[in-house]
Each structure stands twice: as structure tokens, then as C-alpha cells.
Amino acid sequence: MADKIKFALALALIVTGLLGYYQLAEHALVLRVLSVLVGLVMGGAVAWFTVPGQDFYRFSQEAVAEARRVVWPSRKETWQTTLAVFALVVVMGIFLWLVDWGFLVAVQRLMGRTES
């Protein structure tokens, strides 16, 4: 229940920052943007102290660590894979064109029509 109240407060702070942007329409743009940023930071700070907020932070840290462990392909492997994909696309395009042409001929023969 406490987490729900904290989330509601965080949302209220963010909305207040956004409303401040529109309420300060006659002031400098820097002040208006600062209003939004303060609302976001304060809302984020309140959400940080909830259990789901802490879980999200741990998840994001684990995601960053996992992304660092990814083994990226070399330039040569990337080119080889790209060329293989393009070759497969060309081969499949030709194959599907032939199948389509074959169906066209078959349907024309079944209908008793000849190509004009």
C-alpha cells in the first residue's frame, strides 16, 4: 500500500512539473524546462524508494552488465552474413517469381485462356 501511495505522489510531482511548464508560459523557456526537469527528478526520487523502483534499478544494472558481455561479430563476419542474406533474398525472389508464374500458367490453362 505504501508503494502505491509513493507512486501516486511521484506521478503527482511529474504532472505538477508538466503543469508548471504551461503555467509559466509568459516566463523564459529555461524556467519552463527547469520546471519539467524538477518534476521529473523529484518524481523519480520518490519512485526510487519503492520496492518496484529498486527492482527496476537492479534490472537495469543487470541489463547493462549483460550487454557488456555480448560478443560482437567482426567486420568480416558482418559482411559475410550481410552478403549471405542478400543472396538468399535474391534467390527467394527468383523462386517466388517462378512459382507465381507457374500458378499463372496453371490457372490460365484451367480456365481455357491463352496469353494474348
PDB file of N, CA and C in Angstrom:
ATOM      1  N   MET A   1       0.829  -1.195   0.000  1.00  0.00           N
ATOM      2  CA  MET A   1       0.000   0.000   0.000  1.00  0.00           C
ATOM      3  C   MET A   1       0.872   1.255   0.000  1.00  0.00           C
ATOM      4  N   ALA A   2       1.957   1.201   0.762  1.00  0.00           N
ATOM      5  CA  ALA A   2       2.841   2.364   0.836  1.00  0.00           C
ATOM      6  C   ALA A   2       3.480   2.647  -0.519  1.00  0.00           C
ATOM      7  N   ASP A   3       3.810   1.586  -1.261  1.00  0.00           N
ATOM      8  CA  ASP A   3       4.401   1.778  -2.583  1.00  0.00           C
ATOM      9  C   ASP A   3       3.416   2.448  -3.534  1.00  0.00           C
ATOM     10  N   LYS A   4       2.134   2.085  -3.428  1.00  0.00           N
ATOM     11  CA  LYS A   4       1.128   2.710  -4.282  1.00  0.00           C
ATOM     12  C   LYS A   4       0.999   4.201  -3.972  1.00  0.00           C
ATOM     13  N   ILE A   5       1.061   4.540  -2.710  1.00  0.00           N
ATOM     14  CA  ILE A   5       0.987   5.955  -2.317  1.00  0.00           C
ATOM     15  C   ILE A   5       2.212   6.703  -2.827  1.00  0.00           C
ATOM     16  N   LYS A   6       3.380   6.071  -2.720  1.00  0.00           N
ATOM     17  CA  LYS A   6       4.603   6.715  -3.207  1.00  0.00           C
ATOM     18  C   LYS A   6       4.560   6.890  -4.722  1.00  0.00           C
ATOM     19  N   PHE A   7       4.048   5.893  -5.431  1.00  0.00           N
ATOM     20  CA  PHE A   7       3.920   6.021  -6.883  1.00  0.00           C
ATOM     21  C   PHE A   7       2.931   7.126  -7.248  1.00  0.00           C
ATOM     22  N   ALA A   8       1.835   7.223  -6.510  1.00  0.00           N
ATOM     23  CA  ALA A   8       0.859   8.287  -6.767  1.00  0.00           C
ATOM     24  C   ALA A   8       1.498   9.660  -6.526  1.00  0.00           C
ATOM     25  N   LEU A   9       2.295   9.759  -5.478  1.00  0.00           N
ATOM     26  CA  LEU A   9       2.989  11.012  -5.186  1.00  0.00           C
ATOM     27  C   LEU A   9       4.003  11.330  -6.279  1.00  0.00           C
ATOM     28  N   ALA A  10       4.725  10.316  -6.742  1.00  0.00           N
ATOM     29  CA  ALA A  10       5.697  10.518  -7.823  1.00  0.00           C
ATOM     30  C   ALA A  10       4.989  10.987  -9.085  1.00  0.00           C
ATOM     31  N   LEU A  11       3.874  10.381  -9.418  1.00  0.00           N
ATOM     32  CA  LEU A  11       3.110  10.787 -10.587  1.00  0.00           C
ATOM     33  C   LEU A  11       2.583  12.214 -10.427  1.00  0.00           C
ATOM     34  N   ALA A  12       2.132  12.546  -9.219  1.00  0.00           N
ATOM     35  CA  ALA A  12       1.641  13.900  -8.966  1.00  0.00           C
ATOM     36  C   ALA A  12       2.767  14.923  -9.125  1.00  0.00           C
ATOM     37  N   LEU A  13       3.971  14.591  -8.696  1.00  0.00           N
ATOM     38  CA  LEU A  13       5.101  15.507  -8.852  1.00  0.00           C
ATOM     39  C   LEU A  13       5.452  15.707 -10.329  1.00  0.00           C
ATOM     40  N   ILE A  14       5.408  14.641 -11.093  1.00  0.00           N
ATOM     41  CA  ILE A  14       5.709  14.744 -12.527  1.00  0.00           C
ATOM     42  C   ILE A  14       4.637  15.583 -13.224  1.00  0.00           C
ATOM     43  N   VAL A  15       3.388  15.328 -12.913  1.00  0.00           N
ATOM     44  CA  VAL A  15       2.300  16.099 -13.516  1.00  0.00           C
ATOM     45  C   VAL A  15       2.397  17.560 -13.106  1.00  0.00           C
ATOM     46  N   THR A  16       2.765  17.824 -11.860  1.00  0.00           N
ATOM     47  CA  THR A  16       2.933  19.198 -11.392  1.00  0.00           C
ATOM     48  C   THR A  16       4.034  19.902 -12.171  1.00  0.00           C
ATOM     49  N   GLY A  17       5.128  19.197 -12.439  1.00  0.00           N
ATOM     50  CA  GLY A  17       6.196  19.784 -13.247  1.00  0.00           C
ATOM     51  C   GLY A  17       5.728  20.110 -14.649  1.00  0.00           C
ATOM     52  N   LEU A  18       4.936  19.204 -15.240  1.00  0.00           N
ATOM     53  CA  LEU A  18       4.398  19.457 -16.577  1.00  0.00           C
ATOM     54  C   LEU A  18       3.399  20.613 -16.576  1.00  0.00           C
ATOM     55  N   LEU A  19       2.560  20.674 -15.554  1.00  0.00           N
ATOM     56  CA  LEU A  19       1.619  21.788 -15.463  1.00  0.00           C
ATOM     57  C   LEU A  19       2.355  23.105 -15.260  1.00  0.00           C
ATOM     58  N   GLY A  20       3.466  23.053 -14.512  1.00  0.00           N
ATOM     59  CA  GLY A  20       4.276  24.255 -14.319  1.00  0.00           C
ATOM     60  C   GLY A  20       4.804  24.792 -15.632  1.00  0.00           C
ATOM     61  N   TYR A  21       5.092  23.907 -16.568  1.00  0.00           N
ATOM     62  CA  TYR A  21       5.565  24.326 -17.892  1.00  0.00           C
ATOM     63  C   TYR A  21       4.526  25.215 -18.562  1.00  0.00           C
ATOM     64  N   TYR A  22       3.274  24.835 -18.462  1.00  0.00           N
ATOM     65  CA  TYR A  22       2.216  25.605 -19.104  1.00  0.00           C
ATOM     66  C   TYR A  22       1.808  26.839 -18.292  1.00  0.00           C
ATOM     67  N   GLN A  23       1.915  26.756 -16.974  1.00  0.00           N
ATOM     68  CA  GLN A  23       1.579  27.894 -16.133  1.00  0.00           C
ATOM     69  C   GLN A  23       2.610  29.019 -16.259  1.00  0.00           C
ATOM     70  N   LEU A  24       3.835  28.657 -16.603  1.00  0.00           N
ATOM     71  CA  LEU A  24       4.908  29.645 -16.740  1.00  0.00           C
ATOM     72  C   LEU A  24       5.086  30.072 -18.194  1.00  0.00           C
ATOM     73  N   ALA A  25       4.005  30.110 -18.946  1.00  0.00           N
ATOM     74  CA  ALA A  25       4.070  30.400 -20.377  1.00  0.00           C
ATOM     75  C   ALA A  25       4.671  31.774 -20.669  1.00  0.00           C
ATOM     76  N   GLU A  26       4.467  32.742 -19.776  1.00  0.00           N
ATOM     77  CA  GLU A  26       4.980  34.080 -20.035  1.00  0.00           C
ATOM     78  C   GLU A  26       6.414  34.273 -19.541  1.00  0.00           C
ATOM     79  N   HIS A  27       6.996  33.269 -18.936  1.00  0.00           N
ATOM     80  CA  HIS A  27       8.370  33.347 -18.436  1.00  0.00           C
ATOM     81  C   HIS A  27       9.342  32.750 -19.458  1.00  0.00           C
ATOM     82  N   ALA A  28      10.607  32.837 -19.142  1.00  0.00           N
ATOM     83  CA  ALA A  28      11.657  32.342 -20.037  1.00  0.00           C
ATOM     84  C   ALA A  28      11.532  30.821 -20.221  1.00  0.00           C
ATOM     85  N   LEU A  29      11.931  30.362 -21.392  1.00  0.00           N
ATOM     86  CA  LEU A  29      11.851  28.937 -21.714  1.00  0.00           C
ATOM     87  C   LEU A  29      12.707  28.116 -20.761  1.00  0.00           C
ATOM     88  N   VAL A  30      13.820  28.655 -20.338  1.00  0.00           N
ATOM     89  CA  VAL A  30      14.701  27.937 -19.415  1.00  0.00           C
ATOM     90  C   VAL A  30      13.969  27.622 -18.123  1.00  0.00           C
ATOM     91  N   LEU A  31      13.203  28.571 -17.624  1.00  0.00           N
ATOM     92  CA  LEU A  31      12.451  28.358 -16.386  1.00  0.00           C
ATOM     93  C   LEU A  31      11.368  27.301 -16.592  1.00  0.00           C
ATOM     94  N   ARG A  32      10.739  27.312 -17.764  1.00  0.00           N
ATOM     95  CA  ARG A  32       9.683  26.335 -18.050  1.00  0.00           C
ATOM     96  C   ARG A  32      10.264  24.923 -18.138  1.00  0.00           C
ATOM     97  N   VAL A  33      11.384  24.777 -18.835  1.00  0.00           N
ATOM     98  CA  VAL A  33      12.028  23.467 -18.948  1.00  0.00           C
ATOM     99  C   VAL A  33      12.538  23.020 -17.586  1.00  0.00           C
ATOM    100  N   LEU A  34      13.046  23.944 -16.804  1.00  0.00           N
ATOM    101  CA  LEU A  34      13.520  23.616 -15.451  1.00  0.00           C
ATOM    102  C   LEU A  34      12.372  23.086 -14.596  1.00  0.00           C
ATOM    103  N   SER A  35      11.174  23.626 -14.786  1.00  0.00           N
ATOM    104  CA  SER A  35      10.005  23.141 -14.056  1.00  0.00           C
ATOM    105  C   SER A  35       9.741  21.674 -14.373  1.00  0.00           C
ATOM    106  N   VAL A  36       9.809  21.326 -15.653  1.00  0.00           N
ATOM    107  CA  VAL A  36       9.585  19.931 -16.056  1.00  0.00           C
ATOM    108  C   VAL A  36      10.680  19.039 -15.482  1.00  0.00           C
ATOM    109  N   LEU A  37      11.936  19.462 -15.594  1.00  0.00           N
ATOM    110  CA  LEU A  37      13.045  18.646 -15.090  1.00  0.00           C
ATOM    111  C   LEU A  37      12.963  18.445 -13.579  1.00  0.00           C
ATOM    112  N   VAL A  38      12.604  19.490 -12.848  1.00  0.00           N
ATOM    113  CA  VAL A  38      12.474  19.354 -11.396  1.00  0.00           C
ATOM    114  C   VAL A  38      11.356  18.368 -11.064  1.00  0.00           C
ATOM    115  N   GLY A  39      10.238  18.449 -11.775  1.00  0.00           N
ATOM    116  CA  GLY A  39       9.143  17.500 -11.546  1.00  0.00           C
ATOM    117  C   GLY A  39       9.563  16.073 -11.826  1.00  0.00           C
ATOM    118  N   LEU A  40      10.311  15.862 -12.932  1.00  0.00           N
ATOM    119  CA  LEU A  40      10.776  14.517 -13.255  1.00  0.00           C
ATOM    120  C   LEU A  40      11.765  13.988 -12.232  1.00  0.00           C
ATOM    121  N   VAL A  41      12.695  14.832 -11.822  1.00  0.00           N
ATOM    122  CA  VAL A  41      13.706  14.394 -10.852  1.00  0.00           C
ATOM    123  C   VAL A  41      13.059  14.094  -9.508  1.00  0.00           C
ATOM    124  N   MET A  42      12.163  14.960  -9.065  1.00  0.00           N
ATOM    125  CA  MET A  42      11.512  14.721  -7.767  1.00  0.00           C
ATOM    126  C   MET A  42      10.624  13.480  -7.821  1.00  0.00           C
ATOM    127  N   GLY A  43       9.893  13.317  -8.920  1.00  0.00           N
ATOM    128  CA  GLY A  43       9.062  12.120  -9.062  1.00  0.00           C
ATOM    129  C   GLY A  43       9.909  10.863  -9.114  1.00  0.00           C
ATOM    130  N   GLY A  44      11.028  10.929  -9.841  1.00  0.00           N
ATOM    131  CA  GLY A  44      11.942   9.783  -9.894  1.00  0.00           C
ATOM    132  C   GLY A  44      12.548   9.468  -8.547  1.00  0.00           C
ATOM    133  N   ALA A  45      12.859  10.515  -7.776  1.00  0.00           N
ATOM    134  CA  ALA A  45      13.436  10.307  -6.440  1.00  0.00           C
ATOM    135  C   ALA A  45      12.440   9.619  -5.516  1.00  0.00           C
ATOM    136  N   VAL A  46      11.187  10.010  -5.595  1.00  0.00           N
ATOM    137  CA  VAL A  46      10.171   9.364  -4.756  1.00  0.00           C
ATOM    138  C   VAL A  46       9.964   7.922  -5.214  1.00  0.00           C
ATOM    139  N   ALA A  47       9.897   7.696  -6.531  1.00  0.00           N
ATOM    140  CA  ALA A  47       9.691   6.337  -7.045  1.00  0.00           C
ATOM    141  C   ALA A  47      10.884   5.442  -6.724  1.00  0.00           C
ATOM    142  N   TRP A  48      12.057   6.019  -6.589  1.00  0.00           N
ATOM    143  CA  TRP A  48      13.274   5.267  -6.288  1.00  0.00           C
ATOM    144  C   TRP A  48      13.145   4.507  -4.971  1.00  0.00           C
ATOM    145  N   PHE A  49      12.428   5.081  -4.001  1.00  0.00           N
ATOM    146  CA  PHE A  49      12.337   4.487  -2.669  1.00  0.00           C
ATOM    147  C   PHE A  49      11.203   3.476  -2.542  1.00  0.00           C
ATOM    148  N   THR A  50      10.691   3.011  -3.656  1.00  0.00           N
ATOM    149  CA  THR A  50       9.684   1.948  -3.618  1.00  0.00           C
ATOM    150  C   THR A  50      10.361   0.626  -3.981  1.00  0.00           C
ATOM    151  N   VAL A  51       9.741  -0.455  -3.634  1.00  0.00           N
ATOM    152  CA  VAL A  51      10.289  -1.774  -3.958  1.00  0.00           C
ATOM    153  C   VAL A  51      10.362  -1.974  -5.475  1.00  0.00           C
ATOM    154  N   PRO A  52       9.296  -1.648  -6.232  1.00  0.00           N
ATOM    155  CA  PRO A  52       9.414  -1.785  -7.692  1.00  0.00           C
ATOM    156  C   PRO A  52      10.491  -0.859  -8.274  1.00  0.00           C
ATOM    157  N   GLY A  53      10.682   0.302  -7.693  1.00  0.00           N
ATOM    158  CA  GLY A  53      11.733   1.207  -8.161  1.00  0.00           C
ATOM    159  C   GLY A  53      13.110   0.603  -7.967  1.00  0.00           C
ATOM    160  N   GLN A  54      13.337  -0.017  -6.827  1.00  0.00           N
ATOM    161  CA  GLN A  54      14.619  -0.679  -6.569  1.00  0.00           C
ATOM    162  C   GLN A  54      14.795  -1.885  -7.481  1.00  0.00           C
ATOM    163  N   ASP A  55      13.713  -2.638  -7.712  1.00  0.00           N
ATOM    164  CA  ASP A  55      13.783  -3.778  -8.631  1.00  0.00           C
ATOM    165  C   ASP A  55      14.128  -3.327 -10.048  1.00  0.00           C
ATOM    166  N   PHE A  56      13.532  -2.210 -10.475  1.00  0.00           N
ATOM    167  CA  PHE A  56      13.823  -1.681 -11.804  1.00  0.00           C
ATOM    168  C   PHE A  56      15.289  -1.262 -11.905  1.00  0.00           C
ATOM    169  N   TYR A  57      15.828  -0.659 -10.856  1.00  0.00           N
ATOM    170  CA  TYR A  57      17.229  -0.247 -10.877  1.00  0.00           C
ATOM    171  C   TYR A  57      18.143  -1.470 -10.978  1.00  0.00           C
ATOM    172  N   ARG A  58      17.852  -2.509 -10.198  1.00  0.00           N
ATOM    173  CA  ARG A  58      18.652  -3.735 -10.272  1.00  0.00           C
ATOM    174  C   ARG A  58      18.563  -4.372 -11.660  1.00  0.00           C
ATOM    175  N   PHE A  59      17.362  -4.389 -12.220  1.00  0.00           N
ATOM    176  CA  PHE A  59      17.178  -4.945 -13.561  1.00  0.00           C
ATOM    177  C   PHE A  59      17.989  -4.163 -14.578  1.00  0.00           C
ATOM    178  N   SER A  60      17.970  -2.844 -14.495  1.00  0.00           N
ATOM    179  CA  SER A  60      18.721  -2.041 -15.464  1.00  0.00           C
ATOM    180  C   SER A  60      20.227  -2.254 -15.303  1.00  0.00           C
ATOM    181  N   GLN A  61      20.705  -2.415 -14.091  1.00  0.00           N
ATOM    182  CA  GLN A  61      22.130  -2.685 -13.875  1.00  0.00           C
ATOM    183  C   GLN A  61      22.510  -4.052 -14.463  1.00  0.00           C
ATOM    184  N   GLU A  62      21.666  -5.040 -14.284  1.00  0.00           N
ATOM    185  CA  GLU A  62      21.933  -6.364 -14.839  1.00  0.00           C
ATOM    186  C   GLU A  62      21.888  -6.338 -16.363  1.00  0.00           C
ATOM    187  N   ALA A  63      20.983  -5.546 -16.926  1.00  0.00           N
ATOM    188  CA  ALA A  63      20.887  -5.437 -18.387  1.00  0.00           C
ATOM    189  C   ALA A  63      22.151  -4.804 -18.960  1.00  0.00           C
ATOM    190  N   VAL A  64      22.674  -3.785 -18.291  1.00  0.00           N
ATOM    191  CA  VAL A  64      23.913  -3.149 -18.749  1.00  0.00           C
ATOM    192  C   VAL A  64      25.069  -4.141 -18.656  1.00  0.00           C
ATOM    193  N   ALA A  65      25.151  -4.888 -17.567  1.00  0.00           N
ATOM    194  CA  ALA A  65      26.219  -5.878 -17.410  1.00  0.00           C
ATOM    195  C   ALA A  65      26.112  -6.959 -18.480  1.00  0.00           C
ATOM    196  N   GLU A  66      24.888  -7.374 -18.806  1.00  0.00           N
ATOM    197  CA  GLU A  66      24.694  -8.391 -19.830  1.00  0.00           C
ATOM    198  C   GLU A  66      25.086  -7.858 -21.211  1.00  0.00           C
ATOM    199  N   ALA A  67      24.781  -6.604 -21.475  1.00  0.00           N
ATOM    200  CA  ALA A  67      25.137  -6.009 -22.768  1.00  0.00           C
ATOM    201  C   ALA A  67      26.654  -5.916 -22.935  1.00  0.00           C
ATOM    202  N   ARG A  68      27.367  -5.748 -21.835  1.00  0.00           N
ATOM    203  CA  ARG A  68      28.835  -5.703 -21.914  1.00  0.00           C
ATOM    204  C   ARG A  68      29.434  -7.073 -22.203  1.00  0.00           C
ATOM    205  N   ARG A  69      28.709  -8.145 -21.882  1.00  0.00           N
ATOM    206  CA  ARG A  69      29.228  -9.496 -22.111  1.00  0.00           C
ATOM    207  C   ARG A  69      28.948  -9.999 -23.524  1.00  0.00           C
ATOM    208  N   VAL A  70      28.184  -9.243 -24.294  1.00  0.00           N
ATOM    209  CA  VAL A  70      27.847  -9.664 -25.648  1.00  0.00           C
ATOM    210  C   VAL A  70      29.110  -9.673 -26.506  1.00  0.00           C
ATOM    211  N   VAL A  71      29.278 -10.726 -27.279  1.00  0.00           N
ATOM    212  CA  VAL A  71      30.412 -10.825 -28.189  1.00  0.00           C
ATOM    213  C   VAL A  71      29.914 -10.385 -29.559  1.00  0.00           C
ATOM    214  N   TRP A  72      30.436  -9.252 -30.035  1.00  0.00           N
ATOM    215  CA  TRP A  72      30.006  -8.700 -31.306  1.00  0.00           C
ATOM    216  C   TRP A  72      30.797  -9.329 -32.435  1.00  0.00           C
ATOM    217  N   PRO A  73      30.175  -9.519 -33.591  1.00  0.00           N
ATOM    218  CA  PRO A  73      30.897 -10.120 -34.717  1.00  0.00           C
ATOM    219  C   PRO A  73      31.943  -9.143 -35.273  1.00  0.00           C
ATOM    220  N   SER A  74      32.943  -9.729 -35.910  1.00  0.00           N
ATOM    221  CA  SER A  74      33.974  -8.896 -36.527  1.00  0.00           C
ATOM    222  C   SER A  74      33.418  -8.270 -37.800  1.00  0.00           C
ATOM    223  N   ARG A  75      34.176  -7.342 -38.382  1.00  0.00           N
ATOM    224  CA  ARG A  75      33.740  -6.697 -39.614  1.00  0.00           C
ATOM    225  C   ARG A  75      33.581  -7.721 -40.735  1.00  0.00           C
ATOM    226  N   LYS A  76      34.512  -8.683 -40.800  1.00  0.00           N
ATOM    227  CA  LYS A  76      34.460  -9.710 -41.847  1.00  0.00           C
ATOM    228  C   LYS A  76      33.209 -10.572 -41.690  1.00  0.00           C
ATOM    229  N   GLU A  77      32.927 -11.000 -40.471  1.00  0.00           N
ATOM    230  CA  GLU A  77      31.735 -11.815 -40.228  1.00  0.00           C
ATOM    231  C   GLU A  77      30.459 -11.042 -40.565  1.00  0.00           C
ATOM    232  N   THR A  78      30.452  -9.763 -40.260  1.00  0.00           N
ATOM    233  CA  THR A  78      29.281  -8.937 -40.558  1.00  0.00           C
ATOM    234  C   THR A  78      29.050  -8.845 -42.055  1.00  0.00           C
ATOM    235  N   TRP A  79      30.120  -8.613 -42.828  1.00  0.00           N
ATOM    236  CA  TRP A  79      29.993  -8.539 -44.284  1.00  0.00           C
ATOM    237  C   TRP A  79      29.552  -9.876 -44.867  1.00  0.00           C
ATOM    238  N   GLN A  80      30.132 -10.961 -44.382  1.00  0.00           N
ATOM    239  CA  GLN A  80      29.763 -12.278 -44.896  1.00  0.00           C
ATOM    240  C   GLN A  80      28.287 -12.578 -44.630  1.00  0.00           C
ATOM    241  N   THR A  81      27.829 -12.264 -43.439  1.00  0.00           N
ATOM    242  CA  THR A  81      26.428 -12.506 -43.096  1.00  0.00           C
ATOM    243  C   THR A  81      25.512 -11.629 -43.936  1.00  0.00           C
ATOM    244  N   THR A  82      25.891 -10.364 -44.119  1.00  0.00           N
ATOM    245  CA  THR A  82      25.081  -9.450 -44.921  1.00  0.00           C
ATOM    246  C   THR A  82      24.986  -9.940 -46.358  1.00  0.00           C
ATOM    247  N   LEU A  83      26.097 -10.343 -46.932  1.00  0.00           N
ATOM    248  CA  LEU A  83      26.079 -10.850 -48.302  1.00  0.00           C
ATOM    249  C   LEU A  83      25.258 -12.132 -48.423  1.00  0.00           C
ATOM    250  N   ALA A  84      25.346 -12.992 -47.432  1.00  0.00           N
ATOM    251  CA  ALA A  84      24.548 -14.223 -47.449  1.00  0.00           C
ATOM    252  C   ALA A  84      23.057 -13.896 -47.405  1.00  0.00           C
ATOM    253  N   VAL A  85      22.681 -12.901 -46.615  1.00  0.00           N
ATOM    254  CA  VAL A  85      21.272 -12.506 -46.533  1.00  0.00           C
ATOM    255  C   VAL A  85      20.806 -11.949 -47.868  1.00  0.00           C
ATOM    256  N   PHE A  86      21.610 -11.072 -48.468  1.00  0.00           N
ATOM    257  CA  PHE A  86      21.230 -10.521 -49.769  1.00  0.00           C
ATOM    258  C   PHE A  86      21.116 -11.610 -50.826  1.00  0.00           C
ATOM    259  N   ALA A  87      22.046 -12.555 -50.833  1.00  0.00           N
ATOM    260  CA  ALA A  87      21.988 -13.647 -51.801  1.00  0.00           C
ATOM    261  C   ALA A  87      20.716 -14.472 -51.592  1.00  0.00           C
ATOM    262  N   LEU A  88      20.381 -14.754 -50.347  1.00  0.00           N
ATOM    263  CA  LEU A  88      19.168 -15.516 -50.070  1.00  0.00           C
ATOM    264  C   LEU A  88      17.929 -14.753 -50.516  1.00  0.00           C
ATOM    265  N   VAL A  89      17.915 -13.450 -50.330  1.00  0.00           N
ATOM    266  CA  VAL A  89      16.773 -12.646 -50.766  1.00  0.00           C
ATOM    267  C   VAL A  89      16.626 -12.711 -52.279  1.00  0.00           C
ATOM    268  N   VAL A  90      17.732 -12.624 -52.996  1.00  0.00           N
ATOM    269  CA  VAL A  90      17.668 -12.708 -54.465  1.00  0.00           C
ATOM    270  C   VAL A  90      17.179 -14.082 -54.890  1.00  0.00           C
ATOM    271  N   VAL A  91      17.726 -15.139 -54.313  1.00  0.00           N
ATOM    272  CA  VAL A  91      17.315 -16.499 -54.671  1.00  0.00           C
ATOM    273  C   VAL A  91      15.837 -16.709 -54.362  1.00  0.00           C
ATOM    274  N   MET A  92      15.380 -16.270 -53.190  1.00  0.00           N
ATOM    275  CA  MET A  92      13.968 -16.439 -52.835  1.00  0.00           C
ATOM    276  C   MET A  92      13.074 -15.596 -53.733  1.00  0.00           C
ATOM    277  N   GLY A  93      13.535 -14.413 -54.124  1.00  0.00           N
ATOM    278  CA  GLY A  93      12.755 -13.585 -55.041  1.00  0.00           C
ATOM    279  C   GLY A  93      12.568 -14.269 -56.374  1.00  0.00           C
ATOM    280  N   ILE A  94      13.647 -14.834 -56.903  1.00  0.00           N
ATOM    281  CA  ILE A  94      13.552 -15.560 -58.176  1.00  0.00           C
ATOM    282  C   ILE A  94      12.648 -16.775 -58.027  1.00  0.00           C
ATOM    283  N   PHE A  95      12.796 -17.512 -56.942  1.00  0.00           N
ATOM    284  CA  PHE A  95      11.965 -18.692 -56.697  1.00  0.00           C
ATOM    285  C   PHE A  95      10.489 -18.321 -56.624  1.00  0.00           C
ATOM    286  N   LEU A  96      10.157 -17.284 -55.868  1.00  0.00           N
ATOM    287  CA  LEU A  96       8.757 -16.888 -55.743  1.00  0.00           C
ATOM    288  C   LEU A  96       8.206 -16.347 -57.061  1.00  0.00           C
ATOM    289  N   TRP A  97       9.038 -15.675 -57.845  1.00  0.00           N
ATOM    290  CA  TRP A  97       8.609 -15.213 -59.154  1.00  0.00           C
ATOM    291  C   TRP A  97       8.267 -16.412 -60.045  1.00  0.00           C
ATOM    292  N   LEU A  98       9.125 -17.435 -60.005  1.00  0.00           N
ATOM    293  CA  LEU A  98       8.861 -18.639 -60.802  1.00  0.00           C
ATOM    294  C   LEU A  98       7.594 -19.354 -60.337  1.00  0.00           C
ATOM    295  N   VAL A  99       7.395 -19.452 -59.031  1.00  0.00           N
ATOM    296  CA  VAL A  99       6.178 -20.084 -58.510  1.00  0.00           C
ATOM    297  C   VAL A  99       4.954 -19.284 -58.941  1.00  0.00           C
ATOM    298  N   ASP A 100       5.017 -17.973 -58.844  1.00  0.00           N
ATOM    299  CA  ASP A 100       3.911 -17.120 -59.254  1.00  0.00           C
ATOM    300  C   ASP A 100       3.622 -17.294 -60.741  1.00  0.00           C
ATOM    301  N   TRP A 101       4.651 -17.320 -61.554  1.00  0.00           N
ATOM    302  CA  TRP A 101       4.487 -17.520 -62.985  1.00  0.00           C
ATOM    303  C   TRP A 101       3.872 -18.892 -63.279  1.00  0.00           C
ATOM    304  N   GLY A 102       4.329 -19.910 -62.537  1.00  0.00           N
ATOM    305  CA  GLY A 102       3.768 -21.247 -62.695  1.00  0.00           C
ATOM    306  C   GLY A 102       2.294 -21.290 -62.343  1.00  0.00           C
ATOM    307  N   PHE A 103       1.888 -20.645 -61.269  1.00  0.00           N
ATOM    308  CA  PHE A 103       0.475 -20.578 -60.914  1.00  0.00           C
ATOM    309  C   PHE A 103      -0.324 -19.832 -61.973  1.00  0.00           C
ATOM    310  N   LEU A 104       0.241 -18.766 -62.517  1.00  0.00           N
ATOM    311  CA  LEU A 104      -0.435 -18.015 -63.571  1.00  0.00           C
ATOM    312  C   LEU A 104      -0.704 -18.898 -64.780  1.00  0.00           C
ATOM    313  N   VAL A 105       0.302 -19.634 -65.202  1.00  0.00           N
ATOM    314  CA  VAL A 105       0.154 -20.525 -66.358  1.00  0.00           C
ATOM    315  C   VAL A 105      -0.864 -21.611 -66.052  1.00  0.00           C
ATOM    316  N   ALA A 106      -0.788 -22.196 -64.844  1.00  0.00           N
ATOM    317  CA  ALA A 106      -1.719 -23.266 -64.486  1.00  0.00           C
ATOM    318  C   ALA A 106      -3.155 -22.759 -64.462  1.00  0.00           C
ATOM    319  N   VAL A 107      -3.388 -21.592 -63.887  1.00  0.00           N
ATOM    320  CA  VAL A 107      -4.743 -21.042 -63.820  1.00  0.00           C
ATOM    321  C   VAL A 107      -5.239 -20.703 -65.219  1.00  0.00           C
ATOM    322  N   GLN A 108      -4.363 -20.147 -66.062  1.00  0.00           N
ATOM    323  CA  GLN A 108      -4.779 -19.827 -67.432  1.00  0.00           C
ATOM    324  C   GLN A 108      -5.173 -21.090 -68.184  1.00  0.00           C
ATOM    325  N   ARG A 109      -4.442 -22.161 -68.017  1.00  0.00           N
ATOM    326  CA  ARG A 109      -4.778 -23.424 -68.696  1.00  0.00           C
ATOM    327  C   ARG A 109      -6.075 -24.010 -68.153  1.00  0.00           C
ATOM    328  N   LEU A 110      -6.259 -23.922 -66.820  1.00  0.00           N
ATOM    329  CA  LEU A 110      -7.500 -24.440 -66.238  1.00  0.00           C
ATOM    330  C   LEU A 110      -8.701 -23.636 -66.696  1.00  0.00           C
ATOM    331  N   MET A 111      -8.534 -22.373 -66.910  1.00  0.00           N
ATOM    332  CA  MET A 111      -9.638 -21.509 -67.349  1.00  0.00           C
ATOM    333  C   MET A 111      -9.825 -21.573 -68.858  1.00  0.00           C
ATOM    334  N   GLY A 112      -8.902 -22.228 -69.574  1.00  0.00           N
ATOM    335  CA  GLY A 112      -9.013 -22.349 -71.013  1.00  0.00           C
ATOM    336  C   GLY A 112      -8.633 -21.068 -71.743  1.00  0.00           C
ATOM    337  N   ARG A 113      -7.831 -20.244 -71.092  1.00  0.00           N
ATOM    338  CA  ARG A 113      -7.397 -18.996 -71.735  1.00  0.00           C
ATOM    339  C   ARG A 113      -5.936 -19.110 -72.119  1.00  0.00           C
ATOM    340  N   THR A 114      -5.615 -18.429 -73.157  1.00  0.00           N
ATOM    341  CA  THR A 114      -4.210 -18.378 -73.553  1.00  0.00           C
ATOM    342  C   THR A 114      -3.729 -16.949 -73.417  1.00  0.00           C
ATOM    343  N   GLU A 115      -2.451 -16.798 -73.256  1.00  0.00           N
ATOM    344  CA  GLU A 115      -1.876 -15.482 -73.072  1.00  0.00           C
ATOM    345  C   GLU A 115      -1.948 -14.705 -74.377  1.00  0.00           C
ATOM    346  N   SER A 116      -2.381 -13.438 -74.322  1.00  0.00           N
ATOM    347  CA  SER A 116      -2.505 -12.639 -75.538  1.00  0.00           C
ATOM    348  C   SER A 116      -1.278 -11.814 -75.768  1.00  0.00           C
TER     349      SER A 116
END
